[in-house]
N, C-alpha and C. Protein backbone atom coordinates (compact mmCIF):
# COMPACT_ATOMS: atom_id res chain seq x y z
N MET A 1 4.47 28.12 6.68
CA MET A 1 5.87 27.73 6.75
C MET A 1 6.44 27.72 5.34
N LYS A 2 7.07 28.81 4.95
CA LYS A 2 7.60 28.90 3.59
C LYS A 2 9.04 28.44 3.58
N LYS A 3 9.36 27.61 2.64
CA LYS A 3 10.69 27.03 2.59
C LYS A 3 11.51 27.59 1.44
N HIS A 4 12.84 27.61 1.65
CA HIS A 4 13.75 28.15 0.64
C HIS A 4 13.60 27.42 -0.67
N MET A 5 13.60 28.16 -1.77
CA MET A 5 13.33 27.56 -3.08
C MET A 5 14.62 27.25 -3.82
N ILE A 6 14.79 25.99 -4.14
CA ILE A 6 15.84 25.58 -5.05
C ILE A 6 15.20 24.96 -6.28
N LEU A 7 14.10 24.26 -6.05
CA LEU A 7 13.43 23.56 -7.15
C LEU A 7 12.04 24.14 -7.34
N GLY A 8 11.70 24.51 -8.59
CA GLY A 8 10.35 24.96 -8.91
C GLY A 8 9.51 23.77 -9.27
N ILE A 9 8.76 23.23 -8.30
CA ILE A 9 8.00 22.02 -8.50
C ILE A 9 6.92 22.21 -9.54
N GLY A 10 6.29 23.39 -9.55
CA GLY A 10 5.12 23.57 -10.39
C GLY A 10 5.39 23.60 -11.87
N VAL A 11 6.60 23.89 -12.28
CA VAL A 11 6.89 24.02 -13.71
C VAL A 11 7.87 22.94 -14.12
N MET A 12 7.36 21.79 -14.45
CA MET A 12 8.22 20.67 -14.82
C MET A 12 7.89 20.23 -16.23
N MET A 13 8.81 20.43 -17.13
CA MET A 13 8.66 19.94 -18.51
C MET A 13 9.24 18.54 -18.57
N ILE A 14 8.47 17.62 -19.08
CA ILE A 14 8.89 16.23 -19.08
C ILE A 14 9.57 15.88 -20.39
N GLY A 15 10.82 15.48 -20.29
CA GLY A 15 11.59 15.15 -21.48
C GLY A 15 11.70 13.66 -21.67
N SER A 16 12.73 13.23 -22.33
CA SER A 16 12.91 11.80 -22.57
C SER A 16 13.12 11.09 -21.24
N SER A 17 12.67 9.87 -21.15
CA SER A 17 12.68 9.16 -19.88
C SER A 17 13.33 7.80 -20.02
N LEU A 18 13.76 7.27 -18.88
CA LEU A 18 14.38 5.95 -18.86
C LEU A 18 13.61 5.10 -17.86
N LEU A 19 13.03 4.00 -18.34
CA LEU A 19 12.26 3.13 -17.46
C LEU A 19 13.23 2.38 -16.56
N PHE A 20 12.88 2.32 -15.27
CA PHE A 20 13.74 1.61 -14.35
C PHE A 20 12.91 0.84 -13.33
N GLY A 21 13.54 -0.12 -12.68
CA GLY A 21 12.86 -0.91 -11.66
C GLY A 21 13.12 -0.33 -10.29
N LEU A 22 12.10 -0.34 -9.43
CA LEU A 22 12.23 0.17 -8.08
C LEU A 22 12.79 -0.87 -7.13
N ARG A 23 12.55 -2.13 -7.39
CA ARG A 23 12.88 -3.16 -6.42
C ARG A 23 14.39 -3.27 -6.18
N SER A 24 14.74 -3.54 -4.95
CA SER A 24 16.14 -3.77 -4.61
C SER A 24 16.22 -4.93 -3.63
N ASN A 25 17.42 -5.42 -3.38
CA ASN A 25 17.60 -6.48 -2.40
C ASN A 25 18.89 -6.25 -1.62
N GLN A 26 19.20 -7.17 -0.72
CA GLN A 26 20.35 -6.98 0.14
C GLN A 26 21.66 -6.90 -0.64
N GLU A 27 21.72 -7.54 -1.81
CA GLU A 27 22.94 -7.50 -2.61
C GLU A 27 23.02 -6.25 -3.48
N ASN A 28 21.93 -5.51 -3.54
CA ASN A 28 21.90 -4.33 -4.42
C ASN A 28 21.20 -3.18 -3.70
N GLU A 29 21.80 -2.72 -2.61
CA GLU A 29 21.20 -1.65 -1.81
C GLU A 29 21.19 -0.33 -2.58
N ILE A 30 20.14 0.44 -2.36
CA ILE A 30 20.04 1.77 -2.95
C ILE A 30 20.34 2.79 -1.85
N PHE A 31 21.30 3.66 -2.10
CA PHE A 31 21.67 4.66 -1.12
C PHE A 31 20.67 5.82 -1.12
N TYR A 32 20.39 6.33 0.07
CA TYR A 32 19.45 7.43 0.24
C TYR A 32 20.20 8.77 0.25
N ASN A 33 19.91 9.62 -0.75
CA ASN A 33 20.52 10.96 -0.80
C ASN A 33 22.02 10.91 -0.52
N LYS A 34 22.70 10.06 -1.23
CA LYS A 34 24.13 9.87 -0.93
C LYS A 34 24.94 11.12 -1.20
N ASP A 35 24.66 11.79 -2.32
CA ASP A 35 25.53 12.90 -2.72
C ASP A 35 24.88 14.28 -2.65
N ILE A 36 23.55 14.34 -2.72
CA ILE A 36 22.93 15.65 -2.87
C ILE A 36 21.51 15.64 -2.32
N GLU A 37 21.09 16.77 -1.78
CA GLU A 37 19.72 16.93 -1.30
C GLU A 37 19.11 18.17 -1.94
N PHE A 38 17.80 18.14 -2.11
CA PHE A 38 17.09 19.26 -2.72
C PHE A 38 15.99 19.76 -1.80
N SER A 39 15.74 21.06 -1.86
CA SER A 39 14.60 21.64 -1.14
C SER A 39 13.72 22.35 -2.14
N ALA A 40 12.51 22.70 -1.70
CA ALA A 40 11.54 23.31 -2.60
C ALA A 40 10.76 24.40 -1.88
N SER A 41 10.13 25.26 -2.66
CA SER A 41 9.32 26.33 -2.10
C SER A 41 7.86 25.90 -2.10
N TYR A 42 7.27 25.81 -0.93
CA TYR A 42 5.85 25.50 -0.83
C TYR A 42 5.36 25.92 0.55
N ILE A 43 4.05 26.06 0.67
CA ILE A 43 3.44 26.44 1.93
C ILE A 43 2.89 25.19 2.60
N THR A 44 3.29 24.96 3.85
CA THR A 44 2.74 23.83 4.58
C THR A 44 1.28 24.13 4.91
N PRO A 45 0.34 23.28 4.49
CA PRO A 45 -1.08 23.57 4.72
C PRO A 45 -1.44 23.44 6.20
N ASN A 46 -2.51 24.14 6.59
CA ASN A 46 -2.99 24.06 7.96
C ASN A 46 -3.99 22.93 8.15
N ASP A 47 -4.73 22.64 7.09
CA ASP A 47 -5.76 21.61 7.19
C ASP A 47 -6.09 21.05 5.81
N LEU A 48 -6.99 20.09 5.79
CA LEU A 48 -7.37 19.43 4.55
C LEU A 48 -8.03 20.38 3.57
N ASP A 49 -8.80 21.34 4.08
CA ASP A 49 -9.51 22.29 3.21
C ASP A 49 -8.55 23.02 2.28
N GLN A 50 -7.40 23.42 2.79
CA GLN A 50 -6.43 24.16 1.97
C GLN A 50 -5.90 23.30 0.83
N ILE A 51 -5.69 22.03 1.08
CA ILE A 51 -5.20 21.13 0.04
C ILE A 51 -6.30 20.89 -1.00
N GLU A 52 -7.50 20.68 -0.54
CA GLU A 52 -8.62 20.43 -1.45
C GLU A 52 -8.86 21.62 -2.37
N GLU A 53 -8.78 22.83 -1.84
CA GLU A 53 -9.03 24.03 -2.63
C GLU A 53 -8.01 24.18 -3.75
N ARG A 54 -6.78 23.77 -3.52
CA ARG A 54 -5.72 23.93 -4.50
C ARG A 54 -5.70 22.82 -5.54
N SER A 55 -6.43 21.75 -5.27
CA SER A 55 -6.39 20.57 -6.14
C SER A 55 -7.40 20.68 -7.28
N THR A 56 -6.96 20.29 -8.49
CA THR A 56 -7.89 20.17 -9.60
C THR A 56 -8.38 18.74 -9.76
N LEU A 57 -7.65 17.80 -9.12
CA LEU A 57 -8.03 16.39 -9.18
C LEU A 57 -7.70 15.73 -7.85
N ILE A 58 -8.67 15.01 -7.29
CA ILE A 58 -8.47 14.24 -6.06
C ILE A 58 -8.91 12.82 -6.35
N VAL A 59 -8.01 11.86 -6.16
CA VAL A 59 -8.32 10.47 -6.52
C VAL A 59 -7.79 9.50 -5.47
N LYS A 60 -8.36 8.31 -5.50
CA LYS A 60 -7.85 7.19 -4.70
C LYS A 60 -7.47 6.07 -5.65
N GLY A 61 -6.37 5.39 -5.35
CA GLY A 61 -5.94 4.30 -6.21
C GLY A 61 -4.59 3.78 -5.79
N SER A 62 -3.82 3.25 -6.75
CA SER A 62 -2.54 2.63 -6.41
C SER A 62 -1.52 2.81 -7.53
N PHE A 63 -0.26 2.79 -7.14
CA PHE A 63 0.87 2.86 -8.07
C PHE A 63 0.98 1.53 -8.81
N THR A 64 1.11 1.58 -10.13
CA THR A 64 1.11 0.37 -10.95
C THR A 64 2.45 -0.37 -10.94
N GLY A 65 3.51 0.28 -10.47
CA GLY A 65 4.85 -0.30 -10.55
C GLY A 65 5.65 0.25 -11.71
N GLU A 66 5.00 1.04 -12.59
CA GLU A 66 5.69 1.65 -13.73
C GLU A 66 6.12 3.07 -13.37
N ARG A 67 7.42 3.31 -13.47
CA ARG A 67 7.95 4.64 -13.11
C ARG A 67 9.12 4.95 -14.03
N GLU A 68 9.19 6.19 -14.51
CA GLU A 68 10.27 6.64 -15.40
C GLU A 68 11.00 7.82 -14.79
N VAL A 69 12.31 7.83 -14.94
CA VAL A 69 13.10 8.97 -14.52
C VAL A 69 12.96 10.07 -15.56
N ASP A 70 12.76 11.29 -15.12
CA ASP A 70 12.69 12.44 -16.01
C ASP A 70 14.10 12.96 -16.26
N ASN A 71 14.54 12.87 -17.52
CA ASN A 71 15.91 13.30 -17.86
C ASN A 71 15.96 14.67 -18.53
N ASP A 72 14.88 15.42 -18.43
CA ASP A 72 14.84 16.76 -19.02
C ASP A 72 15.86 17.66 -18.32
N GLU A 73 16.78 18.23 -19.08
CA GLU A 73 17.85 19.07 -18.50
C GLU A 73 17.32 20.37 -17.93
N ASP A 74 16.10 20.77 -18.29
CA ASP A 74 15.51 21.99 -17.77
C ASP A 74 14.98 21.82 -16.35
N VAL A 75 14.79 20.59 -15.93
CA VAL A 75 14.31 20.33 -14.57
C VAL A 75 15.49 20.46 -13.61
N LEU A 76 15.32 21.25 -12.54
CA LEU A 76 16.41 21.58 -11.65
C LEU A 76 16.60 20.60 -10.50
N GLY A 77 15.82 19.58 -10.44
CA GLY A 77 15.95 18.62 -9.36
C GLY A 77 15.43 17.26 -9.77
N PRO A 78 15.46 16.30 -8.85
CA PRO A 78 15.00 14.95 -9.17
C PRO A 78 13.51 14.91 -9.50
N SER A 79 13.17 14.15 -10.52
CA SER A 79 11.77 14.08 -10.96
C SER A 79 11.53 12.75 -11.67
N SER A 80 10.43 12.11 -11.33
CA SER A 80 10.03 10.86 -11.98
C SER A 80 8.56 10.92 -12.36
N ILE A 81 8.19 10.11 -13.33
CA ILE A 81 6.80 10.02 -13.76
C ILE A 81 6.29 8.64 -13.39
N SER A 82 5.30 8.58 -12.53
CA SER A 82 4.76 7.31 -12.03
C SER A 82 3.35 7.09 -12.57
N GLN A 83 3.07 5.86 -12.96
CA GLN A 83 1.73 5.52 -13.46
C GLN A 83 0.84 5.09 -12.30
N PHE A 84 -0.35 5.69 -12.26
CA PHE A 84 -1.26 5.52 -11.12
C PHE A 84 -2.60 5.00 -11.62
N LYS A 85 -3.06 3.89 -11.02
CA LYS A 85 -4.36 3.30 -11.36
C LYS A 85 -5.42 3.91 -10.44
N VAL A 86 -6.37 4.62 -11.04
CA VAL A 86 -7.41 5.31 -10.28
C VAL A 86 -8.60 4.39 -10.04
N ASN A 87 -8.98 4.27 -8.78
CA ASN A 87 -10.15 3.47 -8.43
C ASN A 87 -11.35 4.33 -8.05
N GLU A 88 -11.08 5.57 -7.63
CA GLU A 88 -12.15 6.47 -7.20
C GLU A 88 -11.74 7.91 -7.51
N VAL A 89 -12.68 8.69 -8.06
CA VAL A 89 -12.44 10.11 -8.33
C VAL A 89 -13.34 10.93 -7.41
N TYR A 90 -12.72 11.79 -6.60
CA TYR A 90 -13.47 12.62 -5.64
C TYR A 90 -13.66 14.04 -6.15
N LYS A 91 -12.76 14.49 -6.99
CA LYS A 91 -12.85 15.84 -7.55
C LYS A 91 -12.19 15.84 -8.91
N GLY A 92 -12.79 16.53 -9.89
CA GLY A 92 -12.22 16.62 -11.22
C GLY A 92 -12.65 15.46 -12.11
N ASN A 93 -12.07 15.41 -13.30
CA ASN A 93 -12.41 14.39 -14.29
C ASN A 93 -11.14 13.85 -14.93
N ILE A 94 -11.18 12.56 -15.31
CA ILE A 94 -10.06 11.95 -16.03
C ILE A 94 -10.60 11.21 -17.24
N ASP A 95 -9.74 11.07 -18.25
CA ASP A 95 -10.14 10.42 -19.50
C ASP A 95 -10.16 8.90 -19.39
N ASN A 96 -9.28 8.34 -18.56
CA ASN A 96 -9.27 6.90 -18.31
C ASN A 96 -8.79 6.65 -16.89
N ASP A 97 -8.68 5.39 -16.51
CA ASP A 97 -8.37 5.08 -15.11
C ASP A 97 -6.88 5.00 -14.81
N ARG A 98 -6.03 5.41 -15.76
CA ARG A 98 -4.59 5.47 -15.52
C ARG A 98 -4.09 6.89 -15.79
N ILE A 99 -3.36 7.44 -14.85
CA ILE A 99 -2.84 8.80 -15.01
C ILE A 99 -1.34 8.81 -14.72
N SER A 100 -0.65 9.83 -15.25
CA SER A 100 0.78 10.00 -15.03
C SER A 100 0.99 11.04 -13.93
N VAL A 101 1.63 10.63 -12.86
CA VAL A 101 1.85 11.51 -11.71
C VAL A 101 3.34 11.83 -11.59
N ILE A 102 3.66 13.12 -11.50
CA ILE A 102 5.04 13.55 -11.33
C ILE A 102 5.40 13.47 -9.84
N GLU A 103 6.45 12.71 -9.54
CA GLU A 103 6.91 12.60 -8.16
C GLU A 103 8.31 13.23 -8.04
N PRO A 104 8.53 14.04 -7.00
CA PRO A 104 9.79 14.77 -6.85
C PRO A 104 10.90 13.91 -6.25
N CYS A 105 11.31 12.90 -7.02
CA CYS A 105 12.37 12.00 -6.57
C CYS A 105 12.83 11.18 -7.76
N GLU A 106 13.94 10.49 -7.60
CA GLU A 106 14.38 9.57 -8.65
C GLU A 106 15.38 8.57 -8.10
N PHE A 107 15.43 7.42 -8.77
CA PHE A 107 16.43 6.40 -8.50
C PHE A 107 17.40 6.41 -9.66
N LYS A 108 18.67 6.67 -9.38
CA LYS A 108 19.63 6.80 -10.46
C LYS A 108 21.03 6.44 -9.96
N ASN A 109 21.73 5.61 -10.73
CA ASN A 109 23.11 5.23 -10.41
C ASN A 109 23.26 4.69 -8.98
N GLY A 110 22.27 3.90 -8.55
CA GLY A 110 22.34 3.29 -7.23
C GLY A 110 21.98 4.21 -6.09
N ASN A 111 21.50 5.41 -6.41
CA ASN A 111 21.12 6.37 -5.38
C ASN A 111 19.65 6.73 -5.48
N PHE A 112 19.04 7.00 -4.33
CA PHE A 112 17.71 7.59 -4.28
C PHE A 112 17.86 9.05 -3.89
N ILE A 113 17.34 9.94 -4.73
CA ILE A 113 17.44 11.38 -4.47
C ILE A 113 16.02 11.94 -4.44
N ASN A 114 15.73 12.77 -3.45
CA ASN A 114 14.38 13.30 -3.33
C ASN A 114 14.36 14.78 -2.99
N VAL A 115 13.17 15.34 -2.93
CA VAL A 115 12.96 16.72 -2.53
C VAL A 115 12.19 16.72 -1.21
N GLU A 116 12.73 17.40 -0.21
CA GLU A 116 12.07 17.59 1.08
C GLU A 116 11.63 16.27 1.73
N GLY A 117 12.46 15.24 1.62
CA GLY A 117 12.15 13.99 2.29
C GLY A 117 11.05 13.18 1.65
N TYR A 118 10.71 13.49 0.40
CA TYR A 118 9.62 12.79 -0.27
C TYR A 118 9.94 11.31 -0.47
N ILE A 119 8.97 10.44 -0.15
CA ILE A 119 9.09 9.01 -0.37
C ILE A 119 8.08 8.62 -1.45
N PRO A 120 8.52 7.95 -2.51
CA PRO A 120 7.62 7.64 -3.62
C PRO A 120 6.56 6.60 -3.25
N MET A 121 5.50 6.58 -4.04
CA MET A 121 4.43 5.61 -3.85
C MET A 121 4.96 4.20 -4.09
N GLN A 122 4.45 3.26 -3.31
CA GLN A 122 4.88 1.87 -3.38
C GLN A 122 3.77 1.00 -3.97
N GLU A 123 4.17 -0.09 -4.60
CA GLU A 123 3.20 -1.04 -5.15
C GLU A 123 2.41 -1.70 -4.02
N LYS A 124 1.17 -2.12 -4.35
CA LYS A 124 0.27 -2.84 -3.44
C LYS A 124 -0.18 -1.99 -2.27
N GLU A 125 0.07 -0.69 -2.32
CA GLU A 125 -0.42 0.23 -1.31
C GLU A 125 -1.51 1.10 -1.93
N GLU A 126 -2.47 1.53 -1.13
CA GLU A 126 -3.55 2.38 -1.64
C GLU A 126 -3.36 3.80 -1.14
N TYR A 127 -3.56 4.76 -2.04
CA TYR A 127 -3.31 6.16 -1.73
C TYR A 127 -4.50 7.04 -2.09
N THR A 128 -4.69 8.10 -1.31
CA THR A 128 -5.49 9.24 -1.75
C THR A 128 -4.50 10.34 -2.06
N ILE A 129 -4.55 10.89 -3.28
CA ILE A 129 -3.60 11.92 -3.68
C ILE A 129 -4.33 13.15 -4.21
N PHE A 130 -3.73 14.30 -3.97
CA PHE A 130 -4.30 15.60 -4.32
C PHE A 130 -3.40 16.22 -5.39
N LEU A 131 -3.97 16.53 -6.55
CA LEU A 131 -3.17 16.82 -7.73
C LEU A 131 -3.55 18.13 -8.41
N ARG A 132 -2.59 18.67 -9.13
CA ARG A 132 -2.81 19.79 -10.05
C ARG A 132 -2.55 19.29 -11.45
N THR A 133 -3.41 19.65 -12.38
CA THR A 133 -3.30 19.19 -13.77
C THR A 133 -2.28 20.00 -14.54
N ASN A 134 -1.40 19.32 -15.27
CA ASN A 134 -0.44 19.96 -16.16
C ASN A 134 -0.69 19.49 -17.59
N GLU A 135 -0.96 20.42 -18.49
CA GLU A 135 -1.10 20.09 -19.90
C GLU A 135 0.27 20.19 -20.54
N THR A 136 0.81 19.08 -21.06
CA THR A 136 2.13 19.06 -21.66
C THR A 136 2.05 18.51 -23.08
N GLU A 137 3.15 18.58 -23.78
CA GLU A 137 3.19 18.02 -25.14
C GLU A 137 3.06 16.50 -25.12
N TYR A 138 3.20 15.91 -23.93
CA TYR A 138 3.05 14.46 -23.79
C TYR A 138 1.66 14.08 -23.28
N GLY A 139 0.78 15.06 -23.18
CA GLY A 139 -0.56 14.83 -22.66
C GLY A 139 -0.68 15.34 -21.22
N LYS A 140 -1.75 14.96 -20.56
CA LYS A 140 -1.98 15.42 -19.19
C LYS A 140 -1.07 14.67 -18.22
N GLN A 141 -0.43 15.44 -17.36
CA GLN A 141 0.35 14.88 -16.26
C GLN A 141 -0.03 15.65 -15.01
N TYR A 142 0.21 15.06 -13.87
CA TYR A 142 -0.32 15.63 -12.63
C TYR A 142 0.78 15.81 -11.59
N THR A 143 0.80 16.98 -10.98
CA THR A 143 1.76 17.30 -9.92
C THR A 143 1.07 17.18 -8.58
N ILE A 144 1.74 16.58 -7.62
CA ILE A 144 1.18 16.43 -6.27
C ILE A 144 1.20 17.77 -5.55
N ILE A 145 0.06 18.15 -4.99
CA ILE A 145 -0.08 19.42 -4.27
C ILE A 145 0.74 19.38 -2.97
N SER A 146 1.45 20.45 -2.69
CA SER A 146 2.17 20.62 -1.42
C SER A 146 3.10 19.45 -1.09
N LEU A 147 3.70 18.88 -2.13
CA LEU A 147 4.67 17.80 -1.94
C LEU A 147 4.13 16.69 -1.03
N ASN A 148 4.74 16.48 0.13
CA ASN A 148 4.37 15.38 1.02
C ASN A 148 2.95 15.48 1.55
N PHE A 149 2.42 16.68 1.59
CA PHE A 149 1.09 16.88 2.15
C PHE A 149 -0.03 16.64 1.14
N GLY A 150 0.34 16.20 -0.07
CA GLY A 150 -0.66 15.89 -1.07
C GLY A 150 -0.78 14.40 -1.36
N LYS A 151 -0.13 13.56 -0.54
CA LYS A 151 -0.11 12.11 -0.77
C LYS A 151 -0.30 11.40 0.57
N TYR A 152 -1.34 10.53 0.62
CA TYR A 152 -1.64 9.83 1.87
C TYR A 152 -1.78 8.34 1.63
N ASN A 153 -0.93 7.57 2.28
CA ASN A 153 -0.92 6.12 2.15
C ASN A 153 -2.00 5.54 3.07
N LEU A 154 -3.10 5.07 2.49
CA LEU A 154 -4.20 4.53 3.27
C LEU A 154 -3.86 3.16 3.85
N SER A 155 -2.84 2.52 3.30
CA SER A 155 -2.43 1.20 3.78
C SER A 155 -1.52 1.28 5.00
N ASN A 156 -1.04 2.49 5.30
CA ASN A 156 -0.15 2.70 6.44
C ASN A 156 -0.85 3.60 7.45
N GLU A 157 -1.28 3.02 8.56
CA GLU A 157 -2.02 3.78 9.56
C GLU A 157 -1.14 4.27 10.70
N ASP A 158 0.17 4.03 10.61
CA ASP A 158 1.09 4.49 11.65
C ASP A 158 1.26 6.00 11.58
N ASP A 159 1.35 6.63 12.74
CA ASP A 159 1.64 8.06 12.78
C ASP A 159 3.05 8.31 12.26
N LEU A 160 3.23 9.45 11.60
CA LEU A 160 4.56 9.86 11.14
C LEU A 160 5.34 10.42 12.31
N GLU A 161 6.57 9.94 12.50
CA GLU A 161 7.43 10.39 13.59
C GLU A 161 8.68 11.06 13.01
N PRO A 162 9.22 12.06 13.73
CA PRO A 162 10.46 12.70 13.25
C PRO A 162 11.59 11.68 13.14
N ILE A 163 12.40 11.84 12.12
CA ILE A 163 13.53 10.93 11.91
C ILE A 163 14.72 11.73 11.40
N SER A 164 15.91 11.35 11.84
CA SER A 164 17.12 12.03 11.38
C SER A 164 17.28 11.83 9.88
N ASN A 165 17.77 12.85 9.21
CA ASN A 165 17.98 12.75 7.76
C ASN A 165 19.29 12.04 7.43
N ASP A 166 20.00 11.60 8.46
CA ASP A 166 21.24 10.86 8.27
C ASP A 166 20.91 9.38 8.02
N ILE A 167 20.38 9.10 6.84
CA ILE A 167 19.89 7.77 6.48
C ILE A 167 20.82 7.19 5.43
N LYS A 168 21.14 5.92 5.54
CA LYS A 168 22.07 5.32 4.61
C LYS A 168 21.37 4.70 3.40
N TYR A 169 20.31 3.91 3.66
CA TYR A 169 19.66 3.18 2.58
C TYR A 169 18.20 3.56 2.42
N PHE A 170 17.74 3.57 1.18
CA PHE A 170 16.33 3.85 0.89
C PHE A 170 15.41 2.84 1.56
N ASN A 171 15.81 1.57 1.58
CA ASN A 171 14.96 0.53 2.18
C ASN A 171 14.63 0.81 3.64
N ASP A 172 15.49 1.59 4.32
CA ASP A 172 15.26 1.90 5.73
C ASP A 172 14.07 2.83 5.93
N VAL A 173 13.68 3.54 4.88
CA VAL A 173 12.59 4.52 5.02
C VAL A 173 11.49 4.34 3.98
N SER A 174 11.57 3.29 3.18
CA SER A 174 10.65 3.14 2.05
C SER A 174 9.20 2.99 2.48
N GLU A 175 8.95 2.54 3.72
CA GLU A 175 7.58 2.35 4.19
C GLU A 175 7.02 3.59 4.87
N LEU A 176 7.81 4.63 5.03
CA LEU A 176 7.34 5.86 5.68
C LEU A 176 6.53 6.71 4.72
N ASP A 177 5.66 7.55 5.26
CA ASP A 177 4.91 8.49 4.42
C ASP A 177 5.87 9.52 3.82
N PHE A 178 6.76 10.04 4.62
CA PHE A 178 7.88 10.85 4.14
C PHE A 178 8.86 11.03 5.28
N VAL A 179 10.00 11.62 5.02
CA VAL A 179 11.05 11.79 6.02
C VAL A 179 11.10 13.25 6.46
N SER A 180 10.99 13.47 7.76
CA SER A 180 11.07 14.83 8.30
C SER A 180 11.72 14.79 9.67
N GLU A 181 12.53 15.79 9.95
CA GLU A 181 13.12 15.94 11.27
C GLU A 181 12.28 16.83 12.16
N SER A 182 11.22 17.43 11.61
CA SER A 182 10.40 18.41 12.32
C SER A 182 9.21 17.75 13.02
N SER A 183 9.14 17.89 14.34
CA SER A 183 8.01 17.36 15.10
C SER A 183 6.72 18.07 14.71
N LYS A 184 6.81 19.38 14.47
CA LYS A 184 5.63 20.16 14.10
C LYS A 184 5.10 19.72 12.74
N GLU A 185 5.99 19.51 11.79
CA GLU A 185 5.59 19.08 10.46
C GLU A 185 4.90 17.71 10.53
N CYS A 186 5.45 16.81 11.31
CA CYS A 186 4.85 15.48 11.47
C CYS A 186 3.48 15.58 12.12
N GLU A 187 3.36 16.45 13.11
CA GLU A 187 2.08 16.63 13.80
C GLU A 187 1.00 17.12 12.85
N ILE A 188 1.35 18.11 12.01
CA ILE A 188 0.39 18.65 11.05
C ILE A 188 -0.02 17.57 10.05
N TYR A 189 0.97 16.81 9.56
CA TYR A 189 0.67 15.76 8.59
C TYR A 189 -0.27 14.71 9.19
N ASN A 190 0.01 14.29 10.42
CA ASN A 190 -0.82 13.29 11.07
C ASN A 190 -2.26 13.78 11.26
N GLU A 191 -2.40 15.05 11.60
CA GLU A 191 -3.74 15.62 11.77
C GLU A 191 -4.51 15.64 10.46
N ILE A 192 -3.83 16.05 9.38
CA ILE A 192 -4.49 16.09 8.08
C ILE A 192 -4.80 14.68 7.59
N LYS A 193 -3.90 13.74 7.86
CA LYS A 193 -4.15 12.36 7.42
C LYS A 193 -5.40 11.80 8.10
N GLU A 194 -5.62 12.14 9.38
CA GLU A 194 -6.83 11.72 10.06
C GLU A 194 -8.07 12.29 9.37
N GLN A 195 -7.96 13.53 8.92
CA GLN A 195 -9.08 14.15 8.19
C GLN A 195 -9.31 13.44 6.85
N VAL A 196 -8.21 13.08 6.18
CA VAL A 196 -8.33 12.37 4.90
C VAL A 196 -9.00 11.02 5.10
N LEU A 197 -8.60 10.28 6.13
CA LEU A 197 -9.17 8.96 6.40
C LEU A 197 -10.65 9.05 6.75
N THR A 198 -11.04 10.17 7.36
CA THR A 198 -12.45 10.37 7.71
C THR A 198 -13.26 10.81 6.50
N GLU A 199 -12.71 11.77 5.75
CA GLU A 199 -13.43 12.35 4.60
C GLU A 199 -13.50 11.38 3.43
N TYR A 200 -12.39 10.69 3.17
CA TYR A 200 -12.33 9.78 2.03
C TYR A 200 -12.18 8.36 2.59
N GLU A 201 -13.27 7.76 2.95
CA GLU A 201 -13.26 6.47 3.62
C GLU A 201 -12.65 5.40 2.71
N LYS A 202 -12.05 4.39 3.31
CA LYS A 202 -11.45 3.29 2.55
C LYS A 202 -12.52 2.51 1.80
């Protein structure tokens, strides 16, 4: 399933960043894709093997709560750098237990903007993520393989269900693995997630 390309996910140069807080409350709602949406070019995987083969690093761990918006003007879509605490390495090597993961989304000016329904990692949740290594002038950073199909929330065992993209607030979907209107896409994701839970036990 090849999708129309607007954003080149694989080539992201990380420029100056602005640290921001993810938390919101009822008095300070964050709008979901209020003004603009982005799509990307990628192949939807058929199974876990395809994701594993493309990954240079496979790890389990959690988001630390530290996330920066990427303000590089060369990046054609929303991009953030999230700090990830690694508890287990299944493939590849890392220099320490904290890595920088590029996520295709950002919170800016009261809006949440993402690529292909991507939902960012949440604090206090455990994830298995499949990554490609990027050597940059800022050191090693990691891109998630196949967007939504390279990130699995082990703390959320609910099946992913199709949902309309007509969403008003980020809080309404923040607990989802990602947002998709496609029943087929959700079915494939759920099948691969079952494989991940079996292969990479909690």
